[in-house]
C-alpha cells in the first residue's frame, strides 16, 4: 500500500507517473485492490500520453506504473461521474 497515493487522494493532489509508453497526469479518486487482484488506481486522466488518444476515467494497474510523483497542484473533488464504492475494486484503501 502506497501512503503517498492515499495522501494525494485525501488532499486532492494530482499524480504524475509513467505508464504504458508515456507520462500521464491524473486526478486520483480511488486506490485499492482491483477485482483482478492488482493494486489499482481509478483516476481521471487530464494530461499526457494515452494509447487511446483520449483523456477521462481510467483504471490503472499500478504494477505497470513507474516514477509516481504527487504534484502540488490540486483538483476539485469528486469529478462528475465518480461513484463511491468503486465496483472495480475488491478492497479500497482510500477514495475521495
PDB file of N, CA and C in Angstrom:
ATOM      1  N   UNK A   1       0.849  -1.180   0.000  1.00  0.00           N
ATOM      2  CA  UNK A   1       0.000   0.000   0.000  1.00  0.00           C
ATOM      3  C   UNK A   1       0.891   1.239   0.000  1.00  0.00           C
ATOM      4  N   UNK A   2       0.574   2.180  -0.869  1.00  0.00           N
ATOM      5  CA  UNK A   2       1.374   3.392  -1.032  1.00  0.00           C
ATOM      6  C   UNK A   2       0.712   4.549  -0.283  1.00  0.00           C
ATOM      7  N   UNK A   3       1.338   4.992   0.802  1.00  0.00           N
ATOM      8  CA  UNK A   3       0.757   6.073   1.603  1.00  0.00           C
ATOM      9  C   UNK A   3       0.751   7.401   0.851  1.00  0.00           C
ATOM     10  N   UNK A   4       1.686   7.606  -0.075  1.00  0.00           N
ATOM     11  CA  UNK A   4       1.692   8.847  -0.860  1.00  0.00           C
ATOM     12  C   UNK A   4       0.438   8.951  -1.727  1.00  0.00           C
ATOM     13  N   UNK A   5       0.011   7.841  -2.303  1.00  0.00           N
ATOM     14  CA  UNK A   5      -1.205   7.847  -3.121  1.00  0.00           C
ATOM     15  C   UNK A   5      -2.419   8.099  -2.230  1.00  0.00           C
ATOM     16  N   UNK A   6      -2.469   7.468  -1.075  1.00  0.00           N
ATOM     17  CA  UNK A   6      -3.573   7.708  -0.142  1.00  0.00           C
ATOM     18  C   UNK A   6      -3.636   9.180   0.251  1.00  0.00           C
ATOM     19  N   UNK A   7      -2.481   9.768   0.565  1.00  0.00           N
ATOM     20  CA  UNK A   7      -2.430  11.183   0.936  1.00  0.00           C
ATOM     21  C   UNK A   7      -2.854  12.076  -0.226  1.00  0.00           C
ATOM     22  N   UNK A   8      -2.449  11.723  -1.447  1.00  0.00           N
ATOM     23  CA  UNK A   8      -2.822  12.513  -2.626  1.00  0.00           C
ATOM     24  C   UNK A   8      -4.340  12.529  -2.810  1.00  0.00           C
ATOM     25  N   UNK A   9      -4.983  11.393  -2.604  1.00  0.00           N
ATOM     26  CA  UNK A   9      -6.442  11.329  -2.718  1.00  0.00           C
ATOM     27  C   UNK A   9      -7.078  12.166  -1.605  1.00  0.00           C
ATOM     28  N   UNK A  10      -6.606  11.994  -0.402  1.00  0.00           N
ATOM     29  CA  UNK A  10      -7.145  12.723   0.750  1.00  0.00           C
ATOM     30  C   UNK A  10      -7.014  14.235   0.564  1.00  0.00           C
ATOM     31  N   UNK A  11      -5.860  14.682   0.021  1.00  0.00           N
ATOM     32  CA  UNK A  11      -5.586  16.111  -0.141  1.00  0.00           C
ATOM     33  C   UNK A  11      -5.936  16.649  -1.530  1.00  0.00           C
ATOM     34  N   UNK A  12      -6.445  15.762  -2.405  1.00  0.00           N
ATOM     35  CA  UNK A  12      -6.857  16.113  -3.760  1.00  0.00           C
ATOM     36  C   UNK A  12      -5.711  16.670  -4.610  1.00  0.00           C
ATOM     37  N   UNK A  13      -4.536  16.022  -4.510  1.00  0.00           N
ATOM     38  CA  UNK A  13      -3.379  16.391  -5.331  1.00  0.00           C
ATOM     39  C   UNK A  13      -3.359  15.552  -6.597  1.00  0.00           C
ATOM     40  N   UNK A  14      -2.949  16.161  -7.701  1.00  0.00           N
ATOM     41  CA  UNK A  14      -2.753  15.401  -8.929  1.00  0.00           C
ATOM     42  C   UNK A  14      -1.533  14.497  -8.773  1.00  0.00           C
ATOM     43  N   UNK A  15      -1.515  13.422  -9.553  1.00  0.00           N
ATOM     44  CA  UNK A  15      -0.402  12.476  -9.569  1.00  0.00           C
ATOM     45  C   UNK A  15       0.096  12.365 -11.009  1.00  0.00           C
ATOM     46  N   UNK A  16       1.416  12.274 -11.151  1.00  0.00           N
ATOM     47  CA  UNK A  16       2.038  12.074 -12.467  1.00  0.00           C
ATOM     48  C   UNK A  16       2.852  10.784 -12.397  1.00  0.00           C
ATOM     49  N   UNK A  17       2.777   9.970 -13.451  1.00  0.00           N
ATOM     50  CA  UNK A  17       3.553   8.727 -13.486  1.00  0.00           C
ATOM     51  C   UNK A  17       3.747   8.270 -14.917  1.00  0.00           C
ATOM     52  N   UNK A  18       4.708   7.373 -15.107  1.00  0.00           N
ATOM     53  CA  UNK A  18       4.938   6.751 -16.412  1.00  0.00           C
ATOM     54  C   UNK A  18       4.123   5.469 -16.469  1.00  0.00           C
ATOM     55  N   UNK A  19       3.442   5.280 -17.606  1.00  0.00           N
ATOM     56  CA  UNK A  19       2.560   4.130 -17.749  1.00  0.00           C
ATOM     57  C   UNK A  19       2.353   3.838 -19.226  1.00  0.00           C
ATOM     58  N   UNK A  20       2.559   2.603 -19.618  1.00  0.00           N
ATOM     59  CA  UNK A  20       2.226   2.143 -20.970  1.00  0.00           C
ATOM     60  C   UNK A  20       2.788   3.050 -22.064  1.00  0.00           C
ATOM     61  N   UNK A  21       4.057   3.420 -21.929  1.00  0.00           N
ATOM     62  CA  UNK A  21       4.712   4.151 -23.000  1.00  0.00           C
ATOM     63  C   UNK A  21       4.793   5.651 -22.862  1.00  0.00           C
ATOM     64  N   UNK A  22       4.303   6.217 -21.764  1.00  0.00           N
ATOM     65  CA  UNK A  22       4.394   7.671 -21.639  1.00  0.00           C
ATOM     66  C   UNK A  22       3.992   8.186 -20.280  1.00  0.00           C
ATOM     67  N   UNK A  23       4.216   9.469 -20.094  1.00  0.00           N
ATOM     68  CA  UNK A  23       3.887  10.134 -18.842  1.00  0.00           C
ATOM     69  C   UNK A  23       2.412  10.535 -18.839  1.00  0.00           C
ATOM     70  N   UNK A  24       1.770  10.362 -17.694  1.00  0.00           N
ATOM     71  CA  UNK A  24       0.356  10.704 -17.558  1.00  0.00           C
ATOM     72  C   UNK A  24       0.145  11.533 -16.300  1.00  0.00           C
ATOM     73  N   UNK A  25      -0.810  12.443 -16.346  1.00  0.00           N
ATOM     74  CA  UNK A  25      -1.196  13.229 -15.180  1.00  0.00           C
ATOM     75  C   UNK A  25      -2.667  12.939 -14.906  1.00  0.00           C
ATOM     76  N   UNK A  26      -2.970  12.584 -13.648  1.00  0.00           N
ATOM     77  CA  UNK A  26      -4.325  12.154 -13.303  1.00  0.00           C
ATOM     78  C   UNK A  26      -4.811  12.790 -12.011  1.00  0.00           C
ATOM     79  N   UNK A  27      -6.143  12.826 -11.886  1.00  0.00           N
ATOM     80  CA  UNK A  27      -6.817  13.176 -10.639  1.00  0.00           C
ATOM     81  C   UNK A  27      -7.195  11.842  -9.982  1.00  0.00           C
ATOM     82  N   UNK A  28      -6.498  11.437  -8.908  1.00  0.00           N
ATOM     83  CA  UNK A  28      -6.775  10.136  -8.288  1.00  0.00           C
ATOM     84  C   UNK A  28      -8.053  10.174  -7.464  1.00  0.00           C
ATOM     85  N   UNK A  29      -8.911   9.174  -7.649  1.00  0.00           N
ATOM     86  CA  UNK A  29     -10.177   9.134  -6.917  1.00  0.00           C
ATOM     87  C   UNK A  29     -10.329   7.898  -6.026  1.00  0.00           C
ATOM     88  N   UNK A  30      -9.779   6.765  -6.450  1.00  0.00           N
ATOM     89  CA  UNK A  30      -9.939   5.541  -5.664  1.00  0.00           C
ATOM     90  C   UNK A  30      -8.700   4.654  -5.834  1.00  0.00           C
ATOM     91  N   UNK A  31      -8.181   4.191  -4.700  1.00  0.00           N
ATOM     92  CA  UNK A  31      -6.964   3.379  -4.687  1.00  0.00           C
ATOM     93  C   UNK A  31      -7.231   2.119  -3.883  1.00  0.00           C
ATOM     94  N   UNK A  32      -6.890   0.963  -4.440  1.00  0.00           N
ATOM     95  CA  UNK A  32      -7.109  -0.286  -3.725  1.00  0.00           C
ATOM     96  C   UNK A  32      -6.672  -1.493  -4.526  1.00  0.00           C
ATOM     97  N   UNK A  33      -7.295  -2.614  -4.211  1.00  0.00           N
ATOM     98  CA  UNK A  33      -7.032  -3.868  -4.919  1.00  0.00           C
ATOM     99  C   UNK A  33      -8.206  -4.121  -5.861  1.00  0.00           C
ATOM    100  N   UNK A  34      -7.899  -4.283  -7.142  1.00  0.00           N
ATOM    101  CA  UNK A  34      -8.947  -4.469  -8.149  1.00  0.00           C
ATOM    102  C   UNK A  34      -9.549  -5.868  -8.066  1.00  0.00           C
ATOM    103  N   UNK A  35     -10.662  -6.052  -8.766  1.00  0.00           N
ATOM    104  CA  UNK A  35     -11.302  -7.364  -8.809  1.00  0.00           C
ATOM    105  C   UNK A  35     -10.406  -8.396  -9.491  1.00  0.00           C
ATOM    106  N   UNK A  36      -9.406  -7.940 -10.261  1.00  0.00           N
ATOM    107  CA  UNK A  36      -8.433  -8.837 -10.895  1.00  0.00           C
ATOM    108  C   UNK A  36      -7.269  -9.152  -9.944  1.00  0.00           C
ATOM    109  N   UNK A  37      -7.271  -8.534  -8.746  1.00  0.00           N
ATOM    110  CA  UNK A  37      -6.235  -8.805  -7.758  1.00  0.00           C
ATOM    111  C   UNK A  37      -5.006  -7.930  -7.857  1.00  0.00           C
ATOM    112  N   UNK A  38      -5.078  -6.861  -8.647  1.00  0.00           N
ATOM    113  CA  UNK A  38      -3.939  -5.951  -8.825  1.00  0.00           C
ATOM    114  C   UNK A  38      -4.099  -4.701  -7.963  1.00  0.00           C
ATOM    115  N   UNK A  39      -2.982  -4.082  -7.628  1.00  0.00           N
ATOM    116  CA  UNK A  39      -3.027  -2.787  -6.976  1.00  0.00           C
ATOM    117  C   UNK A  39      -3.460  -1.791  -8.052  1.00  0.00           C
ATOM    118  N   UNK A  40      -4.584  -1.113  -7.832  1.00  0.00           N
ATOM    119  CA  UNK A  40      -5.143  -0.275  -8.882  1.00  0.00           C
ATOM    120  C   UNK A  40      -5.493   1.126  -8.440  1.00  0.00           C
ATOM    121  N   UNK A  41      -5.602   2.002  -9.410  1.00  0.00           N
ATOM    122  CA  UNK A  41      -5.963   3.391  -9.171  1.00  0.00           C
ATOM    123  C   UNK A  41      -7.021   3.796 -10.193  1.00  0.00           C
ATOM    124  N   UNK A  42      -8.205   4.167  -9.685  1.00  0.00           N
ATOM    125  CA  UNK A  42      -9.241   4.742 -10.555  1.00  0.00           C
ATOM    126  C   UNK A  42      -8.987   6.237 -10.559  1.00  0.00           C
ATOM    127  N   UNK A  43      -8.780   6.791 -11.741  1.00  0.00           N
ATOM    128  CA  UNK A  43      -8.413   8.193 -11.840  1.00  0.00           C
ATOM    129  C   UNK A  43      -8.957   8.793 -13.127  1.00  0.00           C
ATOM    130  N   UNK A  44      -9.035  10.112 -13.119  1.00  0.00           N
ATOM    131  CA  UNK A  44      -9.446  10.854 -14.298  1.00  0.00           C
ATOM    132  C   UNK A  44      -8.190  11.435 -14.912  1.00  0.00           C
ATOM    133  N   UNK A  45      -7.826  10.963 -16.098  1.00  0.00           N
ATOM    134  CA  UNK A  45      -6.614  11.465 -16.752  1.00  0.00           C
ATOM    135  C   UNK A  45      -6.894  12.826 -17.366  1.00  0.00           C
ATOM    136  N   UNK A  46      -6.019  13.800 -17.029  1.00  0.00           N
ATOM    137  CA  UNK A  46      -6.195  15.168 -17.518  1.00  0.00           C
ATOM    138  C   UNK A  46      -5.114  15.611 -18.497  1.00  0.00           C
ATOM    139  N   UNK A  47      -3.995  14.880 -18.557  1.00  0.00           N
ATOM    140  CA  UNK A  47      -2.906  15.294 -19.439  1.00  0.00           C
ATOM    141  C   UNK A  47      -1.969  14.113 -19.691  1.00  0.00           C
ATOM    142  N   UNK A  48      -1.184  14.222 -20.750  1.00  0.00           N
ATOM    143  CA  UNK A  48      -0.156  13.236 -21.031  1.00  0.00           C
ATOM    144  C   UNK A  48      -0.531  12.245 -22.106  1.00  0.00           C
ATOM    145  N   UNK A  49       0.279  11.200 -22.186  1.00  0.00           N
ATOM    146  CA  UNK A  49       0.139  10.156 -23.196  1.00  0.00           C
ATOM    147  C   UNK A  49      -1.100   9.303 -22.936  1.00  0.00           C
ATOM    148  N   UNK A  50      -1.753   8.904 -24.005  1.00  0.00           N
ATOM    149  CA  UNK A  50      -2.853   7.955 -23.932  1.00  0.00           C
ATOM    150  C   UNK A  50      -2.840   7.106 -25.189  1.00  0.00           C
ATOM    151  N   UNK A  51      -2.779   5.792 -25.023  1.00  0.00           N
ATOM    152  CA  UNK A  51      -2.768   4.913 -26.196  1.00  0.00           C
ATOM    153  C   UNK A  51      -4.071   5.034 -26.979  1.00  0.00           C
ATOM    154  N   UNK A  52      -5.162   5.383 -26.299  1.00  0.00           N
ATOM    155  CA  UNK A  52      -6.452   5.553 -26.971  1.00  0.00           C
ATOM    156  C   UNK A  52      -6.605   6.957 -27.561  1.00  0.00           C
ATOM    157  N   UNK A  53      -5.709   7.874 -27.141  1.00  0.00           N
ATOM    158  CA  UNK A  53      -5.781   9.240 -27.630  1.00  0.00           C
ATOM    159  C   UNK A  53      -6.804  10.100 -26.913  1.00  0.00           C
ATOM    160  N   UNK A  54      -7.355   9.604 -25.806  1.00  0.00           N
ATOM    161  CA  UNK A  54      -8.368  10.388 -25.098  1.00  0.00           C
ATOM    162  C   UNK A  54      -8.067  10.489 -23.607  1.00  0.00           C
ATOM    163  N   UNK A  55      -8.585  11.517 -23.021  1.00  0.00           N
ATOM    164  CA  UNK A  55      -8.491  11.721 -21.573  1.00  0.00           C
ATOM    165  C   UNK A  55      -9.787  11.188 -20.951  1.00  0.00           C
ATOM    166  N   UNK A  56      -9.844  11.130 -19.626  1.00  0.00           N
ATOM    167  CA  UNK A  56     -11.077  10.706 -18.968  1.00  0.00           C
ATOM    168  C   UNK A  56     -10.827   9.639 -17.931  1.00  0.00           C
ATOM    169  N   UNK A  57     -11.920   8.968 -17.543  1.00  0.00           N
ATOM    170  CA  UNK A  57     -11.863   7.936 -16.499  1.00  0.00           C
ATOM    171  C   UNK A  57     -11.110   6.710 -16.978  1.00  0.00           C
ATOM    172  N   UNK A  58     -10.181   6.242 -16.112  1.00  0.00           N
ATOM    173  CA  UNK A  58      -9.410   5.036 -16.424  1.00  0.00           C
ATOM    174  C   UNK A  58      -9.072   4.308 -15.131  1.00  0.00           C
ATOM    175  N   UNK A  59      -8.853   3.001 -15.264  1.00  0.00           N
ATOM    176  CA  UNK A  59      -8.345   2.182 -14.157  1.00  0.00           C
ATOM    177  C   UNK A  59      -6.907   1.842 -14.516  1.00  0.00           C
ATOM    178  N   UNK A  60      -5.975   2.205 -13.642  1.00  0.00           N
ATOM    179  CA  UNK A  60      -4.561   1.949 -13.882  1.00  0.00           C
ATOM    180  C   UNK A  60      -4.079   0.820 -12.982  1.00  0.00           C
ATOM    181  N   UNK A  61      -3.388  -0.157 -13.571  1.00  0.00           N
ATOM    182  CA  UNK A  61      -2.723  -1.218 -12.827  1.00  0.00           C
ATOM    183  C   UNK A  61      -1.389  -0.641 -12.362  1.00  0.00           C
ATOM    184  N   UNK A  62      -1.267  -0.366 -11.074  1.00  0.00           N
ATOM    185  CA  UNK A  62      -0.067   0.306 -10.572  1.00  0.00           C
ATOM    186  C   UNK A  62       1.184  -0.555 -10.657  1.00  0.00           C
ATOM    187  N   UNK A  63       1.033  -1.853 -10.888  1.00  0.00           N
ATOM    188  CA  UNK A  63       2.180  -2.707 -11.126  1.00  0.00           C
ATOM    189  C   UNK A  63       2.883  -2.363 -12.428  1.00  0.00           C
ATOM    190  N   UNK A  64       2.194  -1.650 -13.312  1.00  0.00           N
ATOM    191  CA  UNK A  64       2.752  -1.236 -14.595  1.00  0.00           C
ATOM    192  C   UNK A  64       3.200   0.223 -14.582  1.00  0.00           C
ATOM    193  N   UNK A  65       3.029   0.912 -13.448  1.00  0.00           N
ATOM    194  CA  UNK A  65       3.382   2.328 -13.337  1.00  0.00           C
ATOM    195  C   UNK A  65       4.775   2.481 -12.726  1.00  0.00           C
ATOM    196  N   UNK A  66       5.462   3.546 -13.121  1.00  0.00           N
ATOM    197  CA  UNK A  66       6.768   3.860 -12.533  1.00  0.00           C
ATOM    198  C   UNK A  66       6.881   5.364 -12.346  1.00  0.00           C
ATOM    199  N   UNK A  67       7.865   5.768 -11.552  1.00  0.00           N
ATOM    200  CA  UNK A  67       8.136   7.191 -11.304  1.00  0.00           C
ATOM    201  C   UNK A  67       6.882   7.946 -10.874  1.00  0.00           C
ATOM    202  N   UNK A  68       6.199   7.410  -9.853  1.00  0.00           N
ATOM    203  CA  UNK A  68       4.978   8.049  -9.353  1.00  0.00           C
ATOM    204  C   UNK A  68       5.348   9.276  -8.527  1.00  0.00           C
ATOM    205  N   UNK A  69       4.796  10.450  -8.929  1.00  0.00           N
ATOM    206  CA  UNK A  69       5.061  11.702  -8.231  1.00  0.00           C
ATOM    207  C   UNK A  69       3.754  12.392  -7.885  1.00  0.00           C
ATOM    208  N   UNK A  70       3.613  12.793  -6.621  1.00  0.00           N
ATOM    209  CA  UNK A  70       2.467  13.577  -6.196  1.00  0.00           C
ATOM    210  C   UNK A  70       2.794  15.039  -6.471  1.00  0.00           C
ATOM    211  N   UNK A  71       1.916  15.725  -7.194  1.00  0.00           N
ATOM    212  CA  UNK A  71       2.132  17.115  -7.559  1.00  0.00           C
ATOM    213  C   UNK A  71       1.507  18.061  -6.526  1.00  0.00           C
ATOM    214  N   UNK A  72       1.976  19.289  -6.500  1.00  0.00           N
ATOM    215  CA  UNK A  72       1.422  20.302  -5.592  1.00  0.00           C
ATOM    216  C   UNK A  72       0.042  20.758  -6.079  1.00  0.00           C
ATOM    217  N   UNK A  73      -0.203  20.633  -7.381  1.00  0.00           N
ATOM    218  CA  UNK A  73      -1.473  21.059  -7.969  1.00  0.00           C
ATOM    219  C   UNK A  73      -2.617  20.205  -7.442  1.00  0.00           C
ATOM    220  N   UNK A  74      -3.749  20.841  -7.144  1.00  0.00           N
ATOM    221  CA  UNK A  74      -4.914  20.125  -6.613  1.00  0.00           C
ATOM    222  C   UNK A  74      -6.063  20.153  -7.617  1.00  0.00           C
ATOM    223  N   UNK A  75      -7.097  19.360  -7.327  1.00  0.00           N
ATOM    224  CA  UNK A  75      -8.282  19.291  -8.176  1.00  0.00           C
ATOM    225  C   UNK A  75      -9.540  19.377  -7.326  1.00  0.00           C
ATOM    226  N   UNK A  76     -10.642  19.755  -7.977  1.00  0.00           N
ATOM    227  CA  UNK A  76     -11.948  19.775  -7.318  1.00  0.00           C
ATOM    228  C   UNK A  76     -12.427  18.326  -7.229  1.00  0.00           C
ATOM    229  N   UNK A  77     -13.022  17.983  -6.121  1.00  0.00           N
ATOM    230  CA  UNK A  77     -13.382  16.573  -5.956  1.00  0.00           C
ATOM    231  C   UNK A  77     -14.813  16.436  -5.510  1.00  0.00           C
ATOM    232  N   UNK A  78     -15.482  15.378  -5.813  1.00  0.00           N
ATOM    233  CA  UNK A  78     -15.094  14.420  -6.850  1.00  0.00           C
ATOM    234  C   UNK A  78     -15.497  14.917  -8.240  1.00  0.00           C
ATOM    235  N   UNK A  79     -14.822  14.405  -9.214  1.00  0.00           N
ATOM    236  CA  UNK A  79     -15.133  14.740 -10.602  1.00  0.00           C
ATOM    237  C   UNK A  79     -16.474  14.093 -10.946  1.00  0.00           C
ATOM    238  N   UNK A  80     -17.320  14.790 -11.746  1.00  0.00           N
ATOM    239  CA  UNK A  80     -18.597  14.187 -12.161  1.00  0.00           C
ATOM    240  C   UNK A  80     -18.382  12.810 -12.795  1.00  0.00           C
ATOM    241  N   UNK A  81     -19.230  11.885 -12.443  1.00  0.00           N
ATOM    242  CA  UNK A  81     -19.137  10.530 -12.959  1.00  0.00           C
ATOM    243  C   UNK A  81     -18.499   9.551 -11.993  1.00  0.00           C
ATOM    244  N   UNK A  82     -17.907  10.066 -10.906  1.00  0.00           N
ATOM    245  CA  UNK A  82     -17.299   9.151  -9.936  1.00  0.00           C
ATOM    246  C   UNK A  82     -18.372   8.597  -9.005  1.00  0.00           C
ATOM    247  N   UNK A  83     -18.297   7.299  -8.732  1.00  0.00           N
ATOM    248  CA  UNK A  83     -19.238   6.643  -7.818  1.00  0.00           C
ATOM    249  C   UNK A  83     -18.465   6.037  -6.666  1.00  0.00           C
ATOM    250  N   UNK A  84     -18.789   6.464  -5.445  1.00  0.00           N
ATOM    251  CA  UNK A  84     -18.132   5.895  -4.254  1.00  0.00           C
ATOM    252  C   UNK A  84     -18.364   4.389  -4.215  1.00  0.00           C
ATOM    253  N   UNK A  85     -17.410   3.674  -3.606  1.00  0.00           N
ATOM    254  CA  UNK A  85     -17.522   2.225  -3.519  1.00  0.00           C
ATOM    255  C   UNK A  85     -17.285   1.558  -4.865  1.00  0.00           C
ATOM    256  N   UNK A  86     -16.290   2.024  -5.581  1.00  0.00           N
ATOM    257  CA  UNK A  86     -15.939   1.555  -6.926  1.00  0.00           C
ATOM    258  C   UNK A  86     -16.091   0.043  -7.052  1.00  0.00           C
ATOM    259  N   UNK A  87     -16.939  -0.382  -7.965  1.00  0.00           N
ATOM    260  CA  UNK A  87     -17.181  -1.827  -8.159  1.00  0.00           C
ATOM    261  C   UNK A  87     -16.027  -2.544  -8.842  1.00  0.00           C
ATOM    262  N   UNK A  88     -15.065  -1.776  -9.355  1.00  0.00           N
ATOM    263  CA  UNK A  88     -13.875  -2.369  -9.948  1.00  0.00           C
ATOM    264  C   UNK A  88     -12.841  -2.763  -8.908  1.00  0.00           C
ATOM    265  N   UNK A  89     -13.153  -2.490  -7.633  1.00  0.00           N
ATOM    266  CA  UNK A  89     -12.233  -2.769  -6.526  1.00  0.00           C
ATOM    267  C   UNK A  89     -12.819  -3.817  -5.577  1.00  0.00           C
ATOM    268  N   UNK A  90     -11.976  -4.764  -5.182  1.00  0.00           N
ATOM    269  CA  UNK A  90     -12.359  -5.717  -4.132  1.00  0.00           C
ATOM    270  C   UNK A  90     -12.098  -5.140  -2.750  1.00  0.00           C
ATOM    271  N   UNK A  91     -11.046  -4.320  -2.653  1.00  0.00           N
ATOM    272  CA  UNK A  91     -10.690  -3.689  -1.374  1.00  0.00           C
ATOM    273  C   UNK A  91     -10.220  -2.265  -1.650  1.00  0.00           C
ATOM    274  N   UNK A  92     -10.820  -1.297  -0.975  1.00  0.00           N
ATOM    275  CA  UNK A  92     -10.472   0.108  -1.171  1.00  0.00           C
ATOM    276  C   UNK A  92      -9.630   0.594   0.011  1.00  0.00           C
ATOM    277  N   UNK A  93      -8.438   1.142  -0.312  1.00  0.00           N
ATOM    278  CA  UNK A  93      -7.574   1.734   0.716  1.00  0.00           C
ATOM    279  C   UNK A  93      -7.979   3.177   0.995  1.00  0.00           C
ATOM    280  N   UNK A  94      -8.308   3.910  -0.094  1.00  0.00           N
ATOM    281  CA  UNK A  94      -8.640   5.334   0.048  1.00  0.00           C
ATOM    282  C   UNK A  94      -9.465   5.750  -1.151  1.00  0.00           C
ATOM    283  N   UNK A  95     -10.473   6.595  -0.914  1.00  0.00           N
ATOM    284  CA  UNK A  95     -11.245   7.180  -2.001  1.00  0.00           C
ATOM    285  C   UNK A  95     -11.694   8.581  -1.611  1.00  0.00           C
ATOM    286  N   UNK A  96     -12.024   9.398  -2.612  1.00  0.00           N
ATOM    287  CA  UNK A  96     -12.480  10.765  -2.338  1.00  0.00           C
ATOM    288  C   UNK A  96     -13.827  10.730  -1.653  1.00  0.00           C
TER     289      UNK A  96
END
